[in-house]
Protein backbone atom coordinates (compact mmCIF):
# COMPACT_ATOMS: atom_id res chain seq x y z
CA MET A 1 0.00 0.00 0.00
CA SER A 2 1.33 3.40 -0.99
CA PRO A 3 1.58 6.35 1.41
CA LYS A 4 -1.27 8.86 1.42
CA VAL A 5 -1.06 12.43 0.20
CA ILE A 6 -0.91 14.94 3.05
CA LYS A 7 -0.27 18.12 1.06
CA VAL A 8 -0.99 19.26 -2.50
CA GLU A 9 -0.13 22.45 -4.37
CA TYR A 10 -0.69 23.58 -7.92
CA SER A 11 2.56 23.59 -9.89
CA ASN A 12 1.84 24.66 -13.47
CA GLU A 13 -0.25 23.53 -16.41
CA TYR A 14 -1.77 20.26 -15.16
CA LYS A 15 0.87 19.30 -12.62
CA LEU A 16 0.50 18.98 -8.87
CA LEU A 17 3.20 19.06 -6.22
CA LEU A 18 2.46 16.30 -3.72
CA GLU A 19 3.79 15.51 -0.29
CA PHE A 20 3.13 12.04 1.06
CA GLU A 21 2.86 10.87 4.66
CA ASN A 22 6.38 9.39 4.40
CA ARG A 23 7.57 12.99 3.66
CA GLU A 24 8.49 12.24 0.03
CA LYS A 25 7.74 15.06 -2.39
CA LYS A 26 6.73 14.24 -5.94
CA ILE A 27 5.28 15.86 -9.03
CA PHE A 28 2.21 14.31 -10.63
CA ASP A 29 1.22 15.22 -14.19
CA VAL A 30 -2.55 14.82 -14.46
CA SER A 31 -2.48 15.43 -18.23
CA GLN A 32 -1.64 11.75 -18.79
CA PHE A 33 -5.26 10.97 -17.82
CA MET A 34 -6.99 13.91 -19.49
CA SER A 35 -8.03 12.02 -22.61
CA ILE A 36 -10.06 9.54 -20.54
CA GLY A 37 -13.77 9.92 -19.64
CA LYS A 38 -14.57 12.58 -17.04
CA PHE A 39 -10.90 13.52 -16.77
CA LYS A 40 -11.41 15.41 -20.07
CA GLU A 41 -13.38 17.98 -18.06
CA LEU A 42 -10.17 18.94 -16.24
CA HIS A 43 -8.96 20.81 -19.35
CA ASP A 44 -11.00 23.64 -17.80
CA ILE A 45 -8.24 25.05 -15.59
CA GLN A 46 -10.77 26.53 -13.16
CA LEU A 47 -12.22 23.05 -12.59
CA PHE A 48 -8.73 21.58 -12.41
CA LYS A 49 -7.87 23.94 -9.56
CA THR A 50 -10.78 22.60 -7.46
CA TYR A 51 -8.62 19.64 -6.36
CA ARG A 52 -8.49 18.69 -2.69
CA ILE A 53 -7.18 15.89 -0.51
CA CYS A 54 -9.73 13.29 0.59
CA ASN A 55 -8.53 10.30 2.62
CA GLY A 56 -5.05 10.52 1.13
CA ALA A 57 -6.33 10.70 -2.46
CA ILE A 58 -6.91 13.74 -4.68
CA GLU A 59 -10.44 14.55 -5.81
CA TRP A 60 -12.06 17.25 -7.92
CA ALA A 61 -15.42 19.03 -7.84
CA ASN A 62 -16.66 16.93 -10.78
CA GLU A 63 -16.45 13.82 -8.55
CA ILE A 64 -13.38 12.18 -10.06
CA ASP A 65 -10.37 11.18 -8.04
CA LEU A 66 -6.95 9.57 -8.12
CA SER A 67 -5.95 7.02 -5.51
CA PRO A 68 -2.84 7.27 -3.33
CA ASP A 69 -1.39 4.26 -5.20
CA THR A 70 -1.79 5.93 -8.60
CA LEU A 71 -0.42 9.23 -7.32
CA TYR A 72 2.59 7.68 -5.63
CA LEU A 73 3.55 5.13 -8.28
CA MET A 74 3.01 7.36 -11.33
CA SER A 75 4.61 10.58 -10.08
CA GLU A 76 8.17 11.82 -10.44
CA THR A 77 10.38 12.44 -7.47
CA LYS A 78 10.93 16.12 -6.85
CA ASN A 79 14.57 17.10 -6.49
């Protein structure tokens, strides 16, 4: 099981800066999902910026989310 997100900040374009409960900091590029289903709605940057942490995952106002596993395993380590 991957660590949960404890902090999230907007980076640029469709990237989020994440901090996990193990104190690792990573960058997650949401654009890799934005051609799929409801994720397409996140092209609206105002909607994209409605992200929030919910139980260690990230969710948006349009009721989509990304699990801690996806966020941790598919993000790049921040230097």
